[in-house]
Protein backbone atom coordinates (compact mmCIF):
# COMPACT_ATOMS: atom_id res chain seq x y z
CA MET A 1 158.62 164.56 113.18
CA ILE A 2 158.82 164.79 116.96
CA PHE A 3 158.84 161.67 119.14
CA TYR A 4 157.46 161.69 122.68
CA LYS A 5 159.08 159.42 125.25
CA HIS A 6 156.11 157.83 126.98
CA GLN A 7 156.21 156.19 130.39
CA LYS A 8 157.35 152.58 130.66
CA ALA A 9 153.99 151.45 132.00
CA LEU A 10 152.59 151.94 128.48
CA ASN A 11 155.31 149.92 126.72
CA PRO A 12 153.29 146.67 126.51
CA PHE A 13 150.56 148.52 124.65
CA ILE A 14 152.19 151.39 122.78
CA SER A 15 155.09 151.40 120.38
CA HIS A 16 155.41 155.15 119.70
CA ILE A 17 153.80 158.54 120.17
CA PHE A 18 154.85 161.25 117.73
CA SER A 19 153.74 164.40 115.94
CA ILE A 20 154.27 164.93 112.24
CA SER A 21 153.44 167.61 109.69
CA PHE A 22 152.92 167.56 105.94
CA ASP A 23 153.12 170.53 103.60
CA ARG A 24 151.54 170.75 100.19
CA ASP A 25 154.35 171.60 97.78
CA ALA A 26 154.01 174.12 94.97
CA GLN A 27 153.68 171.44 92.28
CA ASN A 28 150.79 169.55 93.86
CA LYS A 29 147.26 170.70 94.60
CA ILE A 30 146.80 168.08 97.29
CA ILE A 31 148.73 166.23 99.98
CA ASN A 32 148.68 162.56 99.05
CA GLU A 33 150.52 160.06 101.26
CA PHE A 34 150.65 156.29 100.79
CA ILE A 35 150.33 154.02 103.87
CA LEU A 36 151.27 150.35 104.04
CA PRO A 37 149.74 147.83 106.45
CA SER A 38 152.06 147.56 109.43
CA GLY A 39 150.37 145.16 111.84
CA HIS A 40 149.76 148.06 114.24
CA CYS A 41 146.63 150.04 115.05
CA LEU A 42 146.69 153.81 115.34
CA MET A 43 145.16 156.63 117.31
CA GLY A 44 145.26 159.92 115.43
CA PHE A 45 144.56 163.51 116.48
CA GLN A 46 144.19 165.94 113.56
CA CYS A 47 145.57 169.17 115.00
CA ILE A 48 145.78 171.34 111.87
CA GLY A 49 143.99 170.54 108.62
CA LYS A 50 141.84 167.54 107.79
CA TYR A 51 142.32 164.57 105.53
CA LYS A 52 140.40 161.71 104.00
CA ILE A 53 141.37 158.04 103.88
CA VAL A 54 141.13 156.57 100.38
CA SER A 55 141.19 152.83 99.73
CA ASP A 56 139.89 150.99 96.66
CA ASN A 57 138.50 154.31 95.38
CA LYS A 58 136.38 154.62 98.51
CA GLU A 59 136.74 157.76 100.66
CA THR A 60 136.36 157.80 104.43
CA THR A 61 136.45 161.00 106.49
CA PRO A 62 137.86 160.10 109.92
CA PRO A 63 136.78 161.99 113.04
CA LYS A 64 139.14 164.66 114.30
CA ALA A 65 140.32 162.15 116.91
CA TYR A 66 140.14 158.59 115.64
CA ILE A 67 141.34 155.02 116.06
CA THR A 68 142.06 152.58 113.25
CA GLY A 69 141.95 148.81 113.50
CA GLN A 70 144.23 146.43 111.64
CA GLN A 71 144.77 147.46 108.02
CA ILE A 72 145.20 144.51 105.69
CA LYS A 73 145.44 146.64 102.55
CA SER A 74 147.28 149.81 101.66
CA PHE A 75 145.55 153.17 101.56
CA ASN A 76 146.22 156.86 100.98
CA PHE A 77 145.42 159.83 103.12
CA VAL A 78 144.56 162.84 101.03
CA SER A 79 143.99 166.51 101.83
CA SER A 80 143.54 169.74 99.92
CA ASP A 81 144.67 171.76 102.96
CA PRO A 82 148.08 173.44 102.64
CA VAL A 83 149.35 171.97 105.91
CA ILE A 84 148.46 168.87 107.91
CA GLU A 85 149.67 168.41 111.47
CA VAL A 86 148.73 165.28 113.38
CA ILE A 87 149.65 163.41 116.55
CA ILE A 88 149.86 159.65 116.17
CA VAL A 89 149.84 156.91 118.79
CA VAL A 90 151.12 153.62 117.37
CA PHE A 91 149.39 150.85 119.33
CA LYS A 92 150.77 147.36 119.62
CA PRO A 93 148.55 144.74 117.98
CA THR A 94 146.75 143.64 121.16
CA ALA A 95 146.21 147.12 122.63
CA LEU A 96 142.69 147.78 121.35
CA TYR A 97 141.53 144.57 122.97
CA HIS A 98 143.44 145.04 126.23
CA LEU A 99 142.70 148.74 126.77
CA PHE A 100 139.22 149.09 125.29
CA GLY A 101 137.77 145.58 124.98
CA LEU A 102 136.93 146.28 121.35
CA ASP A 103 135.78 143.66 118.87
CA THR A 104 138.90 143.95 116.75
CA THR A 105 137.49 141.81 113.94
CA LYS A 106 134.98 144.59 113.21
CA LEU A 107 137.73 147.20 112.98
CA ILE A 108 139.65 145.67 110.07
CA ASN A 109 140.23 148.47 107.51
CA ASN A 110 137.91 150.59 109.65
CA VAL A 111 137.96 153.79 111.72
CA ILE A 112 136.09 154.80 114.87
CA SER A 113 136.22 157.92 117.03
CA VAL A 114 138.40 158.04 120.12
CA GLU A 115 135.32 158.90 122.16
CA GLU A 116 133.59 155.74 120.92
CA ALA A 117 136.54 153.64 122.07
CA PHE A 118 136.57 155.30 125.50
CA MET A 119 132.76 155.34 125.64
CA SER A 120 133.03 158.89 126.93
CA LYS A 121 132.84 162.47 125.63
CA LEU A 122 136.31 163.13 127.10
CA THR A 123 135.30 166.73 127.82
CA VAL A 124 138.16 167.52 130.20
CA PHE A 125 140.79 165.91 127.99
CA ASN A 126 139.52 167.69 124.87
CA LYS A 127 139.67 171.05 126.64
CA HIS A 128 143.24 170.51 127.85
CA PHE A 129 144.33 169.13 124.48
CA GLU A 130 142.90 172.05 122.49
CA ASN A 131 144.38 174.64 124.86
CA ALA A 132 147.86 173.09 124.99
CA LYS A 133 150.46 175.49 123.59
CA SER A 134 152.87 172.91 122.15
CA TYR A 135 152.80 169.47 120.59
CA GLU A 136 154.89 168.21 123.49
CA ALA A 137 152.12 169.31 125.85
CA LYS A 138 149.42 167.79 123.64
CA MET A 139 151.26 164.46 123.57
CA ARG A 140 151.64 164.59 127.35
CA TYR A 141 147.86 164.91 127.69
CA VAL A 142 147.41 161.94 125.36
CA GLU A 143 149.83 159.95 127.52
CA GLU A 144 147.91 160.93 130.68
CA LEU A 145 144.65 159.83 129.05
CA LEU A 146 146.12 156.42 128.24
CA LEU A 147 147.75 156.00 131.64
CA LYS A 148 144.41 156.69 133.30
CA ARG A 149 142.76 154.12 131.03
CA LEU A 150 145.48 151.60 131.86
CA GLU A 151 144.87 152.12 135.58
CA GLN A 152 141.13 151.69 135.13
CA VAL A 153 141.19 148.43 133.17
CA ALA A 154 144.43 146.85 134.52
CA PRO A 155 144.84 144.48 131.55
CA LYS A 156 146.83 141.26 131.84
CA LEU A 157 149.16 140.16 129.05
CA ASN A 158 148.73 136.67 127.70
CA VAL A 159 150.05 134.08 125.27
CA ILE A 160 149.10 136.20 122.24
CA ASP A 161 151.36 139.01 123.42
CA ILE A 162 154.18 136.48 123.77
CA SER A 163 153.49 135.15 120.26
CA ILE A 164 153.71 138.66 118.79
CA ASP A 165 157.08 139.19 120.44
CA LEU A 166 158.26 135.92 118.87
CA ILE A 167 156.95 136.97 115.45
CA HIS A 168 158.88 140.25 115.63
CA LYS A 169 162.00 138.54 116.97
CA ASN A 170 162.02 136.53 113.74
CA LYS A 171 160.93 139.47 111.56
CA GLY A 172 157.79 137.64 110.55
CA ARG A 173 159.77 134.66 109.25
CA THR A 174 158.00 132.05 111.31
CA SER A 175 155.32 129.43 110.81
CA ILE A 176 152.19 128.97 112.89
CA LYS A 177 153.32 125.43 113.67
CA SER A 178 156.60 126.74 115.05
CA LEU A 179 154.80 129.29 117.20
CA VAL A 180 152.36 126.85 118.79
CA THR A 181 155.21 124.42 119.43
CA GLN A 182 157.18 127.11 121.27
CA LEU A 183 154.10 128.26 123.15
CA LYS A 184 152.97 124.70 123.94
CA ILE A 185 149.36 125.31 122.96
CA SER A 186 147.06 123.83 120.34
CA GLU A 187 146.93 125.44 116.92
CA ARG A 188 143.13 125.63 117.02
CA TYR A 189 143.16 127.51 120.33
CA PHE A 190 145.94 129.82 119.11
CA GLN A 191 144.20 130.68 115.83
CA LYS A 192 140.92 131.49 117.59
CA LYS A 193 142.51 133.49 120.42
CA PHE A 194 144.82 135.44 118.10
CA LYS A 195 142.02 136.54 115.79
CA LYS A 196 139.83 137.55 118.73
CA ILE A 197 142.53 139.76 120.27
CA VAL A 198 144.36 141.11 117.20
CA GLY A 199 141.50 141.08 114.68
CA ILE A 200 143.23 139.16 111.91
CA THR A 201 144.63 135.64 111.64
CA PRO A 202 148.18 134.91 112.78
CA PHE A 203 149.07 133.97 109.21
CA ALA A 204 147.91 137.36 107.90
CA TYR A 205 149.74 139.13 110.70
CA THR A 206 153.03 137.31 110.11
CA LYS A 207 152.83 138.10 106.38
CA ILE A 208 152.29 141.82 107.04
CA THR A 209 155.09 141.86 109.63
CA ARG A 210 157.51 140.05 107.32
CA PHE A 211 156.79 142.49 104.52
CA SER A 212 157.27 145.49 106.83
CA TYR A 213 160.72 144.29 107.86
CA LEU A 214 161.59 143.48 104.25
CA PHE A 215 160.41 146.90 103.06
CA ALA A 216 162.62 148.57 105.67
CA GLU A 217 165.66 146.91 104.10
CA MET A 218 164.87 147.59 100.45
CA SER A 219 166.86 150.81 100.28
CA LYS A 220 170.01 148.81 101.07
CA ILE A 221 169.65 146.70 97.94
CA PRO A 222 171.96 147.81 95.11
CA ASP A 223 170.70 147.93 91.52
CA GLN A 224 167.26 146.67 92.53
CA ASN A 225 168.59 143.14 92.94
CA TYR A 226 165.86 141.71 95.16
CA LYS A 227 166.64 137.98 94.93
CA ASP A 228 168.89 137.90 97.99
CA LEU A 229 166.40 140.01 99.94
CA SER A 230 163.48 137.74 99.03
CA ASP A 231 165.59 134.69 99.93
CA ASN A 232 166.49 136.25 103.28
CA PHE A 233 162.82 136.69 104.07
CA ASP A 234 161.94 133.12 103.13
CA TYR A 235 160.07 133.76 99.91
CA TYR A 236 159.84 130.67 97.75
CA ASP A 237 161.12 132.62 94.75
CA ILE A 238 161.27 136.14 93.31
CA ALA A 239 157.84 135.70 91.71
CA HIS A 240 156.20 135.19 95.12
CA PHE A 241 158.03 138.24 96.47
CA SER A 242 156.87 140.36 93.52
CA LYS A 243 153.29 139.16 94.01
CA ASP A 244 153.34 140.20 97.68
CA PHE A 245 154.94 143.53 96.80
CA LYS A 246 152.26 144.32 94.24
CA LYS A 247 149.55 143.23 96.70
CA TYR A 248 150.70 145.73 99.32
CA CYS A 249 152.19 148.49 97.18
CA GLY A 250 150.02 148.32 94.08
CA ASP A 251 152.99 148.06 91.71
CA ALA A 252 156.02 145.94 90.90
CA PRO A 253 159.10 146.61 93.07
CA THR A 254 161.05 147.92 90.06
CA LYS A 255 158.29 150.46 89.28
CA PHE A 256 157.42 151.65 92.78
CA ASN A 257 158.74 155.15 93.44
CA ILE A 258 158.98 155.65 97.19
CA ASP A 259 160.31 159.19 96.82
CA LYS A 260 156.74 160.24 95.96
CA TYR A 261 155.63 159.46 99.50
CA LYS A 262 157.46 161.35 102.25
CA PHE A 263 155.67 159.69 105.17
CA ILE A 264 156.27 156.07 104.28
CA LYS A 265 159.84 156.85 103.23
CA LYS A 266 160.47 158.43 106.62
CA ILE A 267 158.89 155.82 108.89
CA MET A 268 159.60 152.62 106.93
CA VAL A 269 162.86 153.23 105.08
CA ASP A 270 164.93 156.20 106.29
CA ASP A 271 164.24 155.61 109.99
CA PRO A 272 162.07 152.48 110.21
CA LEU A 273 159.72 152.48 113.19
CA ILE A 274 159.35 148.72 112.97
CA LEU A 275 163.00 148.34 113.96
CA LYS A 276 162.38 150.41 117.10
CA ILE A 277 159.60 148.36 118.68
CA LYS A 278 160.19 148.24 122.42
């Protein structure tokens, strides 16, 4: 996993740019990685190998260069190729609206091509990207593409961006009433504006964010004693925590084996990206 340090001008819209590879081990005939909802949208460039996105037994084949909207359910990406290498841009929740003016409500659990988002064939970019000799160079071209887009659209941050910062500051442990009080706006306006820009309701977003922060701390819990953790993240009781865990992970916390999934273990437990949001 190689991180690219993007320019500060992109910080309001991008959390991370990185490249990552997956190898099919000798025991498995396929690469199968589990992905949790994170509250972020992604831009992916499949450099070597191809994969499918599987959710609720439904397969989707993403374009070679694609963008995902908000994911409100977990999914797997699956490939029979021996090696997968991909470059990922982790967008902040408002980025698809600010940079591309997309209807984010139509992108929930959905994928579109990068060219569709840019409304362009991106001929010059594609040529430079394909001919780049290193992943560092490829990521630099992606950065240049986004910087050019930023210059073209000159987006202005707003109250929804502020609300997202507040949600992360509290690790998702905040109520909508508390947010609108701090922001000094009406709840009706906030609900409508948030869904338009992010794609999902603020309640759904805070739940996903809270679970992401909680998940990042699970490896610190000795003997699978999750009561203190669930209390710390404002769950009413352990039963409500277990219900949320099964909703996102598909299994009870005591039965979920994270060691099966290298990607999620890397980015959400061993070195949690959510704790590095700029």
